[in-house]
C-alpha atoms as a PDB file:
ATOM      1  CA  MET A   1      96.244  28.359 124.663  1.00  0.00           C
ATOM      2  CA  VAL A   2      95.183  24.738 124.990  1.00  0.00           C
ATOM      3  CA  LYS A   3      95.407  21.985 122.394  1.00  0.00           C
ATOM      4  CA  LEU A   4      92.252  19.930 121.996  1.00  0.00           C
ATOM      5  CA  THR A   5      91.016  17.046 119.913  1.00  0.00           C
ATOM      6  CA  ALA A   6      87.389  17.138 118.841  1.00  0.00           C
ATOM      7  CA  ARG A   7      85.959  13.723 118.019  1.00  0.00           C
ATOM      8  CA  VAL A   8      82.858  13.914 115.861  1.00  0.00           C
ATOM      9  CA  ILE A   9      80.546  11.047 114.948  1.00  0.00           C
ATOM     10  CA  VAL A  10      78.092  11.871 112.159  1.00  0.00           C
ATOM     11  CA  THR A  11      75.264   9.454 111.331  1.00  0.00           C
ATOM     12  CA  PRO A  12      72.122   9.698 109.216  1.00  0.00           C
ATOM     13  CA  LYS A  13      69.047  10.875 111.098  1.00  0.00           C
ATOM     14  CA  PRO A  14      66.611   8.036 111.900  1.00  0.00           C
ATOM     15  CA  VAL A  15      64.104   9.261 109.286  1.00  0.00           C
ATOM     16  CA  VAL A  16      66.720   9.222 106.482  1.00  0.00           C
ATOM     17  CA  ASN A  17      67.226   6.085 104.379  1.00  0.00           C
ATOM     18  CA  ASP A  18      70.669   4.515 104.956  1.00  0.00           C
ATOM     19  CA  PRO A  19      71.479   2.203 102.021  1.00  0.00           C
ATOM     20  CA  GLN A  20      74.958   1.412 103.374  1.00  0.00           C
ATOM     21  CA  GLY A  21      73.472   0.403 106.700  1.00  0.00           C
ATOM     22  CA  LEU A  22      70.910  -1.826 104.968  1.00  0.00           C
ATOM     23  CA  THR A  23      73.678  -3.485 102.951  1.00  0.00           C
ATOM     24  CA  VAL A  24      75.797  -4.154 106.053  1.00  0.00           C
ATOM     25  CA  LYS A  25      72.747  -5.512 107.891  1.00  0.00           C
ATOM     26  CA  GLY A  26      71.978  -7.850 104.979  1.00  0.00           C
ATOM     27  CA  VAL A  27      75.539  -9.181 104.878  1.00  0.00           C
ATOM     28  CA  LEU A  28      75.547  -9.733 108.642  1.00  0.00           C
ATOM     29  CA  HIS A  29      72.296 -11.697 108.349  1.00  0.00           C
ATOM     30  CA  ARG A  30      73.767 -13.820 105.534  1.00  0.00           C
ATOM     31  CA  LEU A  31      76.766 -14.528 107.767  1.00  0.00           C
ATOM     32  CA  GLY A  32      74.431 -15.896 110.403  1.00  0.00           C
ATOM     33  CA  PHE A  33      74.087 -12.838 112.656  1.00  0.00           C
ATOM     34  CA  GLU A  34      70.278 -12.833 112.568  1.00  0.00           C
ATOM     35  CA  ASP A  35      70.040 -10.923 115.848  1.00  0.00           C
ATOM     36  CA  VAL A  36      71.189  -7.659 114.175  1.00  0.00           C
ATOM     37  CA  ALA A  37      68.097  -5.429 114.090  1.00  0.00           C
ATOM     38  CA  GLU A  38      69.517  -2.243 112.553  1.00  0.00           C
ATOM     39  CA  VAL A  39      72.792  -0.837 111.234  1.00  0.00           C
ATOM     40  CA  ARG A  40      73.510   2.860 110.631  1.00  0.00           C
ATOM     41  CA  VAL A  41      76.701   3.786 108.765  1.00  0.00           C
ATOM     42  CA  GLY A  42      78.258   7.175 109.442  1.00  0.00           C
ATOM     43  CA  LYS A  43      81.640   8.819 109.638  1.00  0.00           C
ATOM     44  CA  TYR A  44      84.154   9.519 112.398  1.00  0.00           C
ATOM     45  CA  ILE A  45      86.161  12.743 112.231  1.00  0.00           C
ATOM     46  CA  GLU A  46      88.965  14.002 114.482  1.00  0.00           C
ATOM     47  CA  VAL A  47      89.872  17.688 114.457  1.00  0.00           C
ATOM     48  CA  LYS A  48      92.903  18.898 116.395  1.00  0.00           C
ATOM     49  CA  LEU A  49      92.630  22.565 117.323  1.00  0.00           C
ATOM     50  CA  GLU A  50      94.022  25.235 119.590  1.00  0.00           C
ATOM     51  CA  ALA A  51      91.810  27.527 121.638  1.00  0.00           C
ATOM     52  CA  GLU A  52      92.009  29.938 124.548  1.00  0.00           C
ATOM     53  CA  ASP A  53      90.363  27.381 126.837  1.00  0.00           C
ATOM     54  CA  GLU A  54      88.279  24.201 126.705  1.00  0.00           C
ATOM     55  CA  ALA A  55      84.956  26.064 126.480  1.00  0.00           C
ATOM     56  CA  ALA A  56      86.185  28.102 123.496  1.00  0.00           C
ATOM     57  CA  GLY A  57      87.449  24.906 121.855  1.00  0.00           C
ATOM     58  CA  ARG A  58      84.052  23.261 122.277  1.00  0.00           C
ATOM     59  CA  ARG A  59      82.369  26.290 120.698  1.00  0.00           C
ATOM     60  CA  GLN A  60      84.818  26.184 117.780  1.00  0.00           C
ATOM     61  CA  ALA A  61      84.269  22.471 117.237  1.00  0.00           C
ATOM     62  CA  SER A  62      80.469  22.850 117.344  1.00  0.00           C
ATOM     63  CA  GLU A  63      80.604  25.628 114.772  1.00  0.00           C
ATOM     64  CA  GLN A  64      82.888  23.578 112.512  1.00  0.00           C
ATOM     65  CA  VAL A  65      80.481  20.637 112.636  1.00  0.00           C
ATOM     66  CA  ARG A  66      77.469  22.826 111.814  1.00  0.00           C
ATOM     67  CA  GLU A  67      79.228  24.726 109.026  1.00  0.00           C
ATOM     68  CA  LEU A  68      81.163  21.999 107.250  1.00  0.00           C
ATOM     69  CA  LEU A  69      81.394  18.507 108.683  1.00  0.00           C
ATOM     70  CA  SER A  70      77.755  17.458 108.678  1.00  0.00           C
ATOM     71  CA  HIS A  71      74.705  18.058 106.502  1.00  0.00           C
ATOM     72  CA  THR A  72      72.308  19.001 109.300  1.00  0.00           C
ATOM     73  CA  ALA A  73      69.178  18.282 107.233  1.00  0.00           C
ATOM     74  CA  ILE A  74      69.999  14.578 106.962  1.00  0.00           C
ATOM     75  CA  GLN A  75      72.689  13.909 109.584  1.00  0.00           C
ATOM     76  CA  GLY A  76      72.732  14.264 113.331  1.00  0.00           C
END
């Protein structure tokens, strides 16, 4: 058995409206950071797991992301 840490970054797909990102972009512009073209706000998730080997751990992590951690219709 190996212990692994899966690090998952979930963000809205480009075609999905991101109101949080728009808000952050607006605040950055008001603070004088006019060069900011786009902001996307997502989430960062760490999952510690045990698996037979690294390949099995990667398969487990991928399945967990698809099944629970992201809404695949709107997040990538």
